[in-house]
C-alpha atoms as a PDB file:
ATOM      1  CA  MET A   1       0.000   0.000   0.000  1.00  0.00           C
ATOM      2  CA  SER A   2       1.343   3.401  -0.904  1.00  0.00           C
ATOM      3  CA  PHE A   3       0.466   6.712   0.665  1.00  0.00           C
ATOM      4  CA  GLN A   4       1.138  10.339  -0.148  1.00  0.00           C
ATOM      5  CA  PHE A   5       3.169  11.924   2.637  1.00  0.00           C
ATOM      6  CA  ARG A   6       2.752  15.624   3.315  1.00  0.00           C
ATOM      7  CA  LEU A   7       5.609  18.041   3.765  1.00  0.00           C
ATOM      8  CA  PRO A   8       5.005  20.607   6.539  1.00  0.00           C
ATOM      9  CA  ALA A   9       5.073  24.251   5.560  1.00  0.00           C
ATOM     10  CA  LEU A  10       7.953  26.278   6.995  1.00  0.00           C
ATOM     11  CA  ALA A  11       6.702  28.978   9.303  1.00  0.00           C
ATOM     12  CA  VAL A  12       9.595  31.374   8.789  1.00  0.00           C
ATOM     13  CA  SER A  13      10.645  33.063   5.554  1.00  0.00           C
ATOM     14  CA  CYS A  14      13.663  31.460   3.952  1.00  0.00           C
ATOM     15  CA  ALA A  15      15.096  34.928   3.558  1.00  0.00           C
ATOM     16  CA  ALA A  16      15.832  34.952   7.283  1.00  0.00           C
ATOM     17  CA  LEU A  17      19.139  33.132   6.950  1.00  0.00           C
ATOM     18  CA  LEU A  18      21.351  32.718   9.970  1.00  0.00           C
ATOM     19  CA  PRO A  19      24.997  33.661   9.308  1.00  0.00           C
ATOM     20  CA  VAL A  20      26.262  30.618  11.198  1.00  0.00           C
ATOM     21  CA  PHE A  21      24.744  28.380   8.535  1.00  0.00           C
ATOM     22  CA  ALA A  22      25.143  30.710   5.542  1.00  0.00           C
ATOM     23  CA  GLN A  23      27.557  28.379   3.708  1.00  0.00           C
ATOM     24  CA  ALA A  24      26.343  25.163   5.329  1.00  0.00           C
ATOM     25  CA  GLN A  25      26.720  22.014   3.236  1.00  0.00           C
ATOM     26  CA  VAL A  26      26.768  19.724   6.243  1.00  0.00           C
ATOM     27  CA  LEU A  27      23.758  18.033   7.806  1.00  0.00           C
ATOM     28  CA  GLN A  28      24.395  16.468  11.212  1.00  0.00           C
ATOM     29  CA  ILE A  29      21.753  14.066  12.532  1.00  0.00           C
ATOM     30  CA  ASN A  30      21.605  12.813  16.115  1.00  0.00           C
ATOM     31  CA  SER A  31      20.057   9.593  17.432  1.00  0.00           C
ATOM     32  CA  SER A  32      20.011   8.193  20.953  1.00  0.00           C
ATOM     33  CA  LEU A  33      20.209   4.617  19.664  1.00  0.00           C
ATOM     34  CA  PRO A  34      23.512   2.794  19.045  1.00  0.00           C
ATOM     35  CA  ASP A  35      25.373   1.824  15.895  1.00  0.00           C
ATOM     36  CA  GLY A  36      23.739  -1.156  14.239  1.00  0.00           C
ATOM     37  CA  SER A  37      20.244  -0.318  15.512  1.00  0.00           C
ATOM     38  CA  PHE A  38      17.212   0.092  13.271  1.00  0.00           C
ATOM     39  CA  ALA A  39      17.609   3.876  13.580  1.00  0.00           C
ATOM     40  CA  HIS A  40      21.160   3.581  12.247  1.00  0.00           C
ATOM     41  CA  ALA A  41      19.908   1.561   9.251  1.00  0.00           C
ATOM     42  CA  PHE A  42      17.259   4.202   8.532  1.00  0.00           C
ATOM     43  CA  LEU A  43      19.693   7.098   8.715  1.00  0.00           C
ATOM     44  CA  LEU A  44      22.202   5.366   6.472  1.00  0.00           C
ATOM     45  CA  GLU A  45      19.460   4.928   3.860  1.00  0.00           C
ATOM     46  CA  PHE A  46      18.502   8.598   4.204  1.00  0.00           C
ATOM     47  CA  LYS A  47      22.140   9.664   3.893  1.00  0.00           C
ATOM     48  CA  GLU A  48      22.587   7.655   0.719  1.00  0.00           C
ATOM     49  CA  ARG A  49      19.465   9.146  -0.857  1.00  0.00           C
ATOM     50  CA  VAL A  50      20.290  12.734   0.074  1.00  0.00           C
ATOM     51  CA  GLU A  51      23.898  12.600  -1.072  1.00  0.00           C
ATOM     52  CA  ALA A  52      22.821  11.000  -4.364  1.00  0.00           C
ATOM     53  CA  GLU A  53      20.611  13.995  -5.146  1.00  0.00           C
ATOM     54  CA  LEU A  54      22.742  16.641  -3.427  1.00  0.00           C
ATOM     55  CA  PRO A  55      26.393  15.702  -4.106  1.00  0.00           C
ATOM     56  CA  ASP A  56      27.674  18.752  -2.198  1.00  0.00           C
ATOM     57  CA  MET A  57      25.787  17.792   0.986  1.00  0.00           C
ATOM     58  CA  ASP A  58      27.686  15.835   3.639  1.00  0.00           C
ATOM     59  CA  VAL A  59      25.179  13.999   5.833  1.00  0.00           C
ATOM     60  CA  GLN A  60      26.885  13.115   9.107  1.00  0.00           C
ATOM     61  CA  ILE A  61      25.235  10.566  11.420  1.00  0.00           C
ATOM     62  CA  PHE A  62      25.884  10.616  15.169  1.00  0.00           C
ATOM     63  CA  MET A  63      24.541   7.609  17.071  1.00  0.00           C
ATOM     64  CA  GLY A  64      24.354   7.027  20.818  1.00  0.00           C
ATOM     65  CA  ASN A  65      23.671  10.689  21.659  1.00  0.00           C
ATOM     66  CA  THR A  66      27.168  11.679  20.559  1.00  0.00           C
ATOM     67  CA  LEU A  67      25.954  15.259  20.115  1.00  0.00           C
ATOM     68  CA  GLY A  68      24.325  15.419  23.548  1.00  0.00           C
ATOM     69  CA  SER A  69      21.293  14.024  25.332  1.00  0.00           C
ATOM     70  CA  GLU A  70      18.157  13.627  23.247  1.00  0.00           C
ATOM     71  CA  GLU A  71      16.455  16.395  25.212  1.00  0.00           C
ATOM     72  CA  ASP A  72      19.399  18.793  24.739  1.00  0.00           C
ATOM     73  CA  VAL A  73      19.550  18.058  21.024  1.00  0.00           C
ATOM     74  CA  LEU A  74      15.826  18.702  20.601  1.00  0.00           C
ATOM     75  CA  GLN A  75      16.210  22.095  22.262  1.00  0.00           C
ATOM     76  CA  GLY A  76      19.312  22.737  20.163  1.00  0.00           C
ATOM     77  CA  LEU A  77      17.315  22.282  16.969  1.00  0.00           C
ATOM     78  CA  GLY A  78      15.370  25.426  17.779  1.00  0.00           C
ATOM     79  CA  PHE A  79      18.425  27.334  18.978  1.00  0.00           C
ATOM     80  CA  GLY A  80      20.378  26.556  15.817  1.00  0.00           C
ATOM     81  CA  THR A  81      23.122  24.603  17.586  1.00  0.00           C
ATOM     82  CA  HIS A  82      21.940  21.283  16.099  1.00  0.00           C
ATOM     83  CA  HIS A  83      20.683  20.394  12.647  1.00  0.00           C
ATOM     84  CA  ALA A  84      18.431  17.329  12.864  1.00  0.00           C
ATOM     85  CA  SER A  85      17.411  14.459  15.113  1.00  0.00           C
ATOM     86  CA  LEU A  86      15.722  11.089  14.763  1.00  0.00           C
ATOM     87  CA  SER A  87      13.903  10.943  18.090  1.00  0.00           C
ATOM     88  CA  ALA A  88      11.183   8.934  19.819  1.00  0.00           C
ATOM     89  CA  SER A  89       9.748   9.132  23.347  1.00  0.00           C
ATOM     90  CA  ALA A  90      11.544  12.362  24.336  1.00  0.00           C
ATOM     91  CA  VAL A  91       9.570  14.260  21.694  1.00  0.00           C
ATOM     92  CA  VAL A  92       6.549  14.558  24.007  1.00  0.00           C
ATOM     93  CA  GLN A  93       8.570  16.963  26.174  1.00  0.00           C
ATOM     94  CA  ILE A  94       8.673  19.357  23.212  1.00  0.00           C
ATOM     95  CA  ASN A  95       5.291  18.584  21.658  1.00  0.00           C
ATOM     96  CA  PRO A  96       2.672  17.045  23.997  1.00  0.00           C
ATOM     97  CA  ARG A  97       0.551  16.077  20.990  1.00  0.00           C
ATOM     98  CA  ALA A  98       3.095  13.359  20.253  1.00  0.00           C
ATOM     99  CA  ALA A  99       1.722  11.531  23.300  1.00  0.00           C
ATOM    100  CA  VAL A 100      -1.186  10.497  21.055  1.00  0.00           C
ATOM    101  CA  PHE A 101       0.939   7.428  20.337  1.00  0.00           C
ATOM    102  CA  ASP A 102       0.506   6.398  23.982  1.00  0.00           C
ATOM    103  CA  LEU A 103      -3.157   5.654  23.239  1.00  0.00           C
ATOM    104  CA  PRO A 104      -3.568   1.867  23.307  1.00  0.00           C
ATOM    105  CA  TYR A 105      -4.672  -0.078  20.237  1.00  0.00           C
ATOM    106  CA  LEU A 106      -4.611   3.000  18.048  1.00  0.00           C
ATOM    107  CA  PHE A 107      -2.977   1.199  15.113  1.00  0.00           C
ATOM    108  CA  GLU A 108      -3.576  -2.394  14.101  1.00  0.00           C
ATOM    109  CA  ASN A 109      -0.771  -2.434  11.539  1.00  0.00           C
ATOM    110  CA  ARG A 110       1.836  -0.230   9.845  1.00  0.00           C
ATOM    111  CA  ASP A 111      -0.503   0.657   6.984  1.00  0.00           C
ATOM    112  CA  MET A 112      -2.665   2.510   9.501  1.00  0.00           C
ATOM    113  CA  VAL A 113       0.393   4.412  10.771  1.00  0.00           C
ATOM    114  CA  GLN A 114       1.058   5.524   7.216  1.00  0.00           C
ATOM    115  CA  GLU A 115      -2.580   6.560   6.812  1.00  0.00           C
ATOM    116  CA  PHE A 116      -2.119   8.740   9.888  1.00  0.00           C
ATOM    117  CA  ALA A 117       1.048  10.230   8.351  1.00  0.00           C
ATOM    118  CA  ALA A 118      -0.860  11.238   5.201  1.00  0.00           C
ATOM    119  CA  SER A 119      -3.766  12.816   7.057  1.00  0.00           C
ATOM    120  CA  PRO A 120      -4.854  16.004   8.854  1.00  0.00           C
ATOM    121  CA  ALA A 121      -3.822  14.294  12.095  1.00  0.00           C
ATOM    122  CA  PHE A 122      -0.183  14.455  10.958  1.00  0.00           C
ATOM    123  CA  ASP A 123      -0.639  18.140  10.071  1.00  0.00           C
ATOM    124  CA  LEU A 124      -1.993  18.827  13.557  1.00  0.00           C
ATOM    125  CA  LEU A 125       0.912  16.922  15.095  1.00  0.00           C
ATOM    126  CA  ALA A 126       3.385  18.942  12.998  1.00  0.00           C
ATOM    127  CA  GLU A 127       1.751  22.201  14.089  1.00  0.00           C
ATOM    128  CA  GLY A 128       2.571  21.273  17.664  1.00  0.00           C
ATOM    129  CA  PHE A 129       6.244  21.931  16.895  1.00  0.00           C
ATOM    130  CA  GLU A 130       5.584  25.472  15.673  1.00  0.00           C
ATOM    131  CA  GLY A 131       7.097  28.108  17.879  1.00  0.00           C
ATOM    132  CA  ARG A 132       9.793  25.640  18.957  1.00  0.00           C
ATOM    133  CA  GLY A 133      11.999  26.135  15.914  1.00  0.00           C
ATOM    134  CA  ILE A 134      11.485  22.488  14.919  1.00  0.00           C
ATOM    135  CA  VAL A 135      10.005  20.999  11.741  1.00  0.00           C
ATOM    136  CA  LEU A 136       8.533  17.487  11.647  1.00  0.00           C
ATOM    137  CA  SER A 137       9.383  16.110   8.217  1.00  0.00           C
ATOM    138  CA  ALA A 138       8.170  12.523   8.563  1.00  0.00           C
ATOM    139  CA  LEU A 139       7.299   9.619  10.817  1.00  0.00           C
ATOM    140  CA  TRP A 140       9.627   6.637  10.447  1.00  0.00           C
ATOM    141  CA  ASP A 141       9.189   3.159  11.869  1.00  0.00           C
ATOM    142  CA  ASN A 142       9.987   2.062  15.391  1.00  0.00           C
ATOM    143  CA  GLY A 143       7.723  -0.881  16.084  1.00  0.00           C
ATOM    144  CA  PHE A 144       4.801  -2.384  17.945  1.00  0.00           C
ATOM    145  CA  ARG A 145       4.986  -3.576  21.511  1.00  0.00           C
ATOM    146  CA  VAL A 146       3.904  -7.122  22.340  1.00  0.00           C
ATOM    147  CA  ILE A 147       3.241  -8.951  25.597  1.00  0.00           C
ATOM    148  CA  THR A 148       5.236 -11.893  26.940  1.00  0.00           C
ATOM    149  CA  ASN A 149       4.435 -13.858  30.092  1.00  0.00           C
ATOM    150  CA  ASN A 150       4.987 -17.249  31.706  1.00  0.00           C
ATOM    151  CA  VAL A 151       1.400 -18.062  32.769  1.00  0.00           C
ATOM    152  CA  ARG A 152      -0.796 -18.384  29.655  1.00  0.00           C
ATOM    153  CA  PRO A 153      -1.342 -17.115  26.108  1.00  0.00           C
ATOM    154  CA  ILE A 154      -3.059 -13.712  25.986  1.00  0.00           C
ATOM    155  CA  VAL A 155      -5.883 -13.774  23.419  1.00  0.00           C
ATOM    156  CA  ILE A 156      -8.655 -11.668  24.975  1.00  0.00           C
ATOM    157  CA  PRO A 157      -8.533  -9.017  27.725  1.00  0.00           C
ATOM    158  CA  ALA A 158      -9.742 -11.499  30.359  1.00  0.00           C
ATOM    159  CA  ASP A 159      -6.506 -13.438  29.864  1.00  0.00           C
ATOM    160  CA  LEU A 160      -4.607 -10.555  31.452  1.00  0.00           C
ATOM    161  CA  GLU A 161      -6.636 -10.743  34.641  1.00  0.00           C
ATOM    162  CA  GLY A 162      -4.346 -10.705  37.675  1.00  0.00           C
ATOM    163  CA  LEU A 163      -1.066 -11.002  35.766  1.00  0.00           C
ATOM    164  CA  LYS A 164       1.822  -8.879  37.026  1.00  0.00           C
ATOM    165  CA  ILE A 165       2.999  -7.153  33.845  1.00  0.00           C
ATOM    166  CA  ARG A 166       6.095  -4.992  33.933  1.00  0.00           C
ATOM    167  CA  THR A 167       5.616  -1.577  32.336  1.00  0.00           C
ATOM    168  CA  PRO A 168       7.769   1.530  31.997  1.00  0.00           C
ATOM    169  CA  THR A 169       7.096   4.256  34.560  1.00  0.00           C
ATOM    170  CA  SER A 170       4.693   5.964  32.112  1.00  0.00           C
ATOM    171  CA  ARG A 171       1.433   6.764  33.929  1.00  0.00           C
ATOM    172  CA  GLN A 172      -0.483   6.134  30.705  1.00  0.00           C
ATOM    173  CA  ARG A 173       1.025   2.674  30.222  1.00  0.00           C
ATOM    174  CA  VAL A 174       0.268   1.753  33.835  1.00  0.00           C
ATOM    175  CA  ALA A 175      -3.342   2.944  33.451  1.00  0.00           C
ATOM    176  CA  MET A 176      -3.715   0.972  30.239  1.00  0.00           C
ATOM    177  CA  PHE A 177      -2.696  -2.378  31.713  1.00  0.00           C
ATOM    178  CA  ASN A 178      -4.660  -1.844  34.907  1.00  0.00           C
ATOM    179  CA  THR A 179      -7.758  -1.008  32.837  1.00  0.00           C
ATOM    180  CA  LEU A 180      -7.309  -4.223  30.858  1.00  0.00           C
ATOM    181  CA  GLY A 181      -7.230  -6.248  34.075  1.00  0.00           C
ATOM    182  CA  ALA A 182      -3.515  -6.767  34.610  1.00  0.00           C
ATOM    183  CA  ASN A 183      -1.546  -5.703  37.649  1.00  0.00           C
ATOM    184  CA  ALA A 184       0.779  -3.135  36.075  1.00  0.00           C
ATOM    185  CA  THR A 185       4.192  -3.183  37.754  1.00  0.00           C
ATOM    186  CA  PRO A 186       6.564  -0.325  36.810  1.00  0.00           C
ATOM    187  CA  LEU A 187      10.163  -1.517  36.805  1.00  0.00           C
ATOM    188  CA  SER A 188      13.413  -0.408  35.215  1.00  0.00           C
ATOM    189  CA  PHE A 189      14.307  -2.504  32.199  1.00  0.00           C
ATOM    190  CA  GLY A 190      17.574  -3.586  33.810  1.00  0.00           C
ATOM    191  CA  GLU A 191      15.544  -5.479  36.417  1.00  0.00           C
ATOM    192  CA  VAL A 192      13.161  -7.196  34.005  1.00  0.00           C
ATOM    193  CA  TYR A 193      15.099 -10.401  33.294  1.00  0.00           C
ATOM    194  CA  SER A 194      15.785 -11.143  36.953  1.00  0.00           C
ATOM    195  CA  GLY A 195      12.229 -10.141  37.906  1.00  0.00           C
ATOM    196  CA  LEU A 196      10.830 -12.633  35.403  1.00  0.00           C
ATOM    197  CA  ASP A 197      13.299 -15.309  36.434  1.00  0.00           C
ATOM    198  CA  GLN A 198      12.471 -14.927  40.131  1.00  0.00           C
ATOM    199  CA  GLY A 199       8.705 -14.636  39.612  1.00  0.00           C
ATOM    200  CA  VAL A 200       8.501 -11.058  40.896  1.00  0.00           C
ATOM    201  CA  ILE A 201       6.627 -10.293  37.683  1.00  0.00           C
ATOM    202  CA  ASP A 202       4.736 -12.617  35.327  1.00  0.00           C
ATOM    203  CA  GLY A 203       5.389 -10.796  32.093  1.00  0.00           C
ATOM    204  CA  GLN A 204       6.462  -7.641  30.312  1.00  0.00           C
ATOM    205  CA  GLU A 205       5.717  -5.589  27.179  1.00  0.00           C
ATOM    206  CA  ASN A 206       8.252  -4.526  24.557  1.00  0.00           C
ATOM    207  CA  PRO A 207       8.878  -4.921  20.818  1.00  0.00           C
ATOM    208  CA  ALA A 208       9.526  -8.551  19.840  1.00  0.00           C
ATOM    209  CA  GLN A 209      13.107  -7.765  18.883  1.00  0.00           C
ATOM    210  CA  VAL A 210      13.762  -6.694  22.487  1.00  0.00           C
ATOM    211  CA  ALA A 211      12.515 -10.054  23.734  1.00  0.00           C
ATOM    212  CA  GLU A 212      15.025 -11.613  21.357  1.00  0.00           C
ATOM    213  CA  SER A 213      18.026  -9.374  22.034  1.00  0.00           C
ATOM    214  CA  ALA A 214      17.481  -9.459  25.830  1.00  0.00           C
ATOM    215  CA  ARG A 215      16.938 -13.248  25.718  1.00  0.00           C
ATOM    216  CA  LEU A 216      13.639 -12.919  27.569  1.00  0.00           C
ATOM    217  CA  TYR A 217      12.495 -16.145  25.922  1.00  0.00           C
ATOM    218  CA  GLU A 218      14.709 -17.915  28.459  1.00  0.00           C
ATOM    219  CA  VAL A 219      12.353 -16.866  31.264  1.00  0.00           C
ATOM    220  CA  GLN A 220       9.060 -16.527  29.360  1.00  0.00           C
ATOM    221  CA  ASP A 221       6.796 -19.177  27.856  1.00  0.00           C
ATOM    222  CA  TYR A 222       4.360 -17.117  25.776  1.00  0.00           C
ATOM    223  CA  MET A 223       4.518 -14.178  23.391  1.00  0.00           C
ATOM    224  CA  SER A 224       1.206 -12.616  22.418  1.00  0.00           C
ATOM    225  CA  LEU A 225       1.283 -10.268  19.409  1.00  0.00           C
ATOM    226  CA  SER A 226      -0.837  -7.622  21.099  1.00  0.00           C
ATOM    227  CA  ASN A 227       0.482  -4.620  19.146  1.00  0.00           C
ATOM    228  CA  HIS A 228      -0.996  -2.569  21.967  1.00  0.00           C
ATOM    229  CA  VAL A 229       1.177   0.518  21.449  1.00  0.00           C
ATOM    230  CA  TYR A 230       2.986   1.804  18.403  1.00  0.00           C
ATOM    231  CA  LEU A 231       5.572   4.566  18.794  1.00  0.00           C
ATOM    232  CA  PRO A 232       7.187   5.925  15.627  1.00  0.00           C
ATOM    233  CA  THR A 233      10.468   7.730  15.343  1.00  0.00           C
ATOM    234  CA  PHE A 234      10.171  11.419  14.472  1.00  0.00           C
ATOM    235  CA  MET A 235      12.474  12.821  11.785  1.00  0.00           C
ATOM    236  CA  LEU A 236      12.983  16.389  12.961  1.00  0.00           C
ATOM    237  CA  PHE A 237      14.906  19.337  11.525  1.00  0.00           C
ATOM    238  CA  GLY A 238      15.896  22.589  13.147  1.00  0.00           C
ATOM    239  CA  GLN A 239      14.150  25.587  11.599  1.00  0.00           C
ATOM    240  CA  PRO A 240      17.371  27.664  11.702  1.00  0.00           C
ATOM    241  CA  TRP A 241      19.257  25.021   9.727  1.00  0.00           C
ATOM    242  CA  LEU A 242      16.476  24.697   7.164  1.00  0.00           C
ATOM    243  CA  ASN A 243      16.163  28.457   6.777  1.00  0.00           C
ATOM    244  CA  ALA A 244      19.870  28.692   6.045  1.00  0.00           C
ATOM    245  CA  GLN A 245      19.625  26.376   3.043  1.00  0.00           C
ATOM    246  CA  THR A 246      18.715  27.173  -0.544  1.00  0.00           C
ATOM    247  CA  ASP A 247      15.181  26.398  -1.669  1.00  0.00           C
ATOM    248  CA  GLU A 248      16.487  23.367  -3.570  1.00  0.00           C
ATOM    249  CA  VAL A 249      18.358  21.907  -0.602  1.00  0.00           C
ATOM    250  CA  ARG A 250      15.562  22.537   1.859  1.00  0.00           C
ATOM    251  CA  GLU A 251      12.848  21.067  -0.361  1.00  0.00           C
ATOM    252  CA  THR A 252      14.993  18.084  -1.354  1.00  0.00           C
ATOM    253  CA  VAL A 253      15.913  17.150   2.213  1.00  0.00           C
ATOM    254  CA  LEU A 254      12.322  17.374   3.428  1.00  0.00           C
ATOM    255  CA  ARG A 255      11.018  15.442   0.418  1.00  0.00           C
ATOM    256  CA  ILE A 256      13.556  12.637   0.841  1.00  0.00           C
ATOM    257  CA  ALA A 257      12.763  12.374   4.557  1.00  0.00           C
ATOM    258  CA  ALA A 258       9.107  11.819   3.649  1.00  0.00           C
ATOM    259  CA  GLU A 259       9.942   9.434   0.797  1.00  0.00           C
ATOM    260  CA  THR A 260      12.164   7.343   3.068  1.00  0.00           C
ATOM    261  CA  ALA A 261       9.280   6.693   5.484  1.00  0.00           C
ATOM    262  CA  PRO A 262       7.640   3.801   3.558  1.00  0.00           C
ATOM    263  CA  TRP A 263      11.056   2.177   3.206  1.00  0.00           C
ATOM    264  CA  THR A 264      11.466   2.203   6.994  1.00  0.00           C
ATOM    265  CA  PHE A 265       8.039   0.619   7.492  1.00  0.00           C
ATOM    266  CA  ASN A 266       8.872  -2.141   5.014  1.00  0.00           C
ATOM    267  CA  TRP A 267      12.180  -2.680   6.830  1.00  0.00           C
ATOM    268  CA  GLY A 268      10.333  -2.945  10.144  1.00  0.00           C
ATOM    269  CA  GLU A 269       7.797  -5.392   8.725  1.00  0.00           C
ATOM    270  CA  GLU A 270      10.535  -7.637   7.339  1.00  0.00           C
ATOM    271  CA  THR A 271      12.538  -7.435  10.568  1.00  0.00           C
ATOM    272  CA  ASP A 272       9.506  -8.388  12.672  1.00  0.00           C
ATOM    273  CA  ALA A 273       8.911 -11.424  10.457  1.00  0.00           C
ATOM    274  CA  ARG A 274      12.552 -12.469  10.777  1.00  0.00           C
ATOM    275  CA  VAL A 275      12.566 -12.046  14.564  1.00  0.00           C
ATOM    276  CA  LEU A 276       9.341 -14.013  15.001  1.00  0.00           C
ATOM    277  CA  GLU A 277      10.712 -16.799  12.812  1.00  0.00           C
ATOM    278  CA  GLU A 278      13.878 -16.951  14.923  1.00  0.00           C
ATOM    279  CA  LEU A 279      11.810 -17.020  18.132  1.00  0.00           C
ATOM    280  CA  ALA A 280       9.307 -19.618  16.927  1.00  0.00           C
ATOM    281  CA  ASP A 281      11.158 -22.545  18.495  1.00  0.00           C
ATOM    282  CA  LYS A 282      12.038 -20.633  21.676  1.00  0.00           C
ATOM    283  CA  ILE A 283       8.667 -19.271  22.829  1.00  0.00           C
ATOM    284  CA  ALA A 284       5.007 -19.978  22.014  1.00  0.00           C
ATOM    285  CA  ILE A 285       3.676 -17.157  19.799  1.00  0.00           C
ATOM    286  CA  ASN A 286      -0.003 -16.339  19.317  1.00  0.00           C
ATOM    287  CA  GLU A 287      -2.257 -13.718  17.739  1.00  0.00           C
ATOM    288  CA  ILE A 288      -4.813 -11.789  19.809  1.00  0.00           C
ATOM    289  CA  ASP A 289      -8.403 -10.642  19.329  1.00  0.00           C
ATOM    290  CA  PHE A 290      -7.423  -7.082  18.427  1.00  0.00           C
ATOM    291  CA  GLU A 291     -10.996  -5.758  18.249  1.00  0.00           C
ATOM    292  CA  ALA A 292     -11.780  -7.083  21.724  1.00  0.00           C
ATOM    293  CA  PHE A 293      -8.736  -5.338  23.178  1.00  0.00           C
ATOM    294  CA  GLN A 294      -9.439  -2.143  21.258  1.00  0.00           C
ATOM    295  CA  ALA A 295     -13.003  -2.054  22.614  1.00  0.00           C
ATOM    296  CA  ALA A 296     -11.787  -2.673  26.168  1.00  0.00           C
ATOM    297  CA  ALA A 297      -9.245   0.135  25.911  1.00  0.00           C
ATOM    298  CA  LEU A 298     -11.516   2.697  24.215  1.00  0.00           C
ATOM    299  CA  PRO A 299     -12.662   4.373  27.493  1.00  0.00           C
ATOM    300  CA  LEU A 300      -9.058   5.499  28.022  1.00  0.00           C
ATOM    301  CA  TYR A 301      -9.420   7.790  24.998  1.00  0.00           C
ATOM    302  CA  ASP A 302     -11.668  10.016  27.121  1.00  0.00           C
ATOM    303  CA  ASP A 303      -9.694   9.608  30.337  1.00  0.00           C
ATOM    304  CA  PRO A 304      -8.287  12.954  31.595  1.00  0.00           C
ATOM    305  CA  LEU A 305      -4.938  11.195  32.108  1.00  0.00           C
ATOM    306  CA  PHE A 306      -4.709  10.993  28.325  1.00  0.00           C
ATOM    307  CA  THR A 307      -6.802  13.955  27.160  1.00  0.00           C
ATOM    308  CA  ASP A 308      -5.036  16.442  29.441  1.00  0.00           C
ATOM    309  CA  ALA A 309      -1.621  15.258  28.273  1.00  0.00           C
ATOM    310  CA  ILE A 310      -2.374  15.016  24.545  1.00  0.00           C
ATOM    311  CA  GLY A 311      -5.125  17.563  23.989  1.00  0.00           C
ATOM    312  CA  PRO A 312      -8.715  16.639  23.023  1.00  0.00           C
ATOM    313  CA  GLU A 313      -8.400  18.002  19.464  1.00  0.00           C
ATOM    314  CA  MET A 314      -5.430  15.769  18.672  1.00  0.00           C
ATOM    315  CA  ILE A 315      -7.318  12.728  19.954  1.00  0.00           C
ATOM    316  CA  THR A 316     -10.537  13.630  18.125  1.00  0.00           C
ATOM    317  CA  VAL A 317      -8.855  14.190  14.761  1.00  0.00           C
ATOM    318  CA  THR A 318      -6.803  11.000  15.113  1.00  0.00           C
ATOM    319  CA  ARG A 319      -9.883   8.951  15.931  1.00  0.00           C
ATOM    320  CA  GLU A 320     -11.728  10.397  12.928  1.00  0.00           C
ATOM    321  CA  VAL A 321      -8.821   9.655  10.586  1.00  0.00           C
ATOM    322  CA  LEU A 322      -8.541   6.054  11.799  1.00  0.00           C
ATOM    323  CA  GLY A 323     -12.289   5.474  12.051  1.00  0.00           C
ATOM    324  CA  LEU A 324     -12.288   4.965  15.810  1.00  0.00           C
ATOM    325  CA  ASN A 325     -15.660   6.459  16.744  1.00  0.00           C
END
């Protein structure tokens, strides 16, 4: 399935060039994730595409927060001290509307994420960066979170009843699992393996590739493909850097960022399939009744814990775009 991605309009005239970037032919991109991660693969693809069309542009990739913490880099985009960032969860500190991705069972598959990215909901999300000196060029893949546990397969919400499921410290994630009947147990990820091994917790929720890389299959019997939360990565550019470029450079970079998005989703889909195939003989994997979970979680869409954090307009427009009425 193909979708038309929208490029956000720049709020500031391109005539307002900053001297520090007047001759800039370098684009530095920060990511908090390490070399060899999915984010690294995405940025290498982007670099190749940009440099093929703009031979004078040197795209420099900095993994593992080499340029500073994710939060500092995001602020630096607006100040003009940083050029671009591929970011995820930290984005909500800059744009609360990005917390819309904390809503459970919002997306059933990656096609729906791409529908969101080609809709007025994406435009509204992009507007949330205005005034911050940041431009959202595209949403790239990150992945769905699934549930593992050592008690039983999770197929319907009732199967979660009473299970101690480790969650991040996110209030929204805790509320979600408690609403679905589980006993949400916030815990640092470094304690998850031992907690599962010792029976302190029954299960946890993370992308499938985390269950593989962290060898959680050694202490878990079941993996249920719940896809309960999808968080994209946000390809962000600093307004000062963009304003300092020629029309051709600025438009080309933003266009390629948007055009790279479907490639990242295909990469994620193929990687998920590979990971699940590799895990098939290590842990029992099952599908869930997605509609049953979505119906059980729907009241959270009107919960002040979510609406106050995200904003009712962002939730309303997203629900309309995805047909969640």
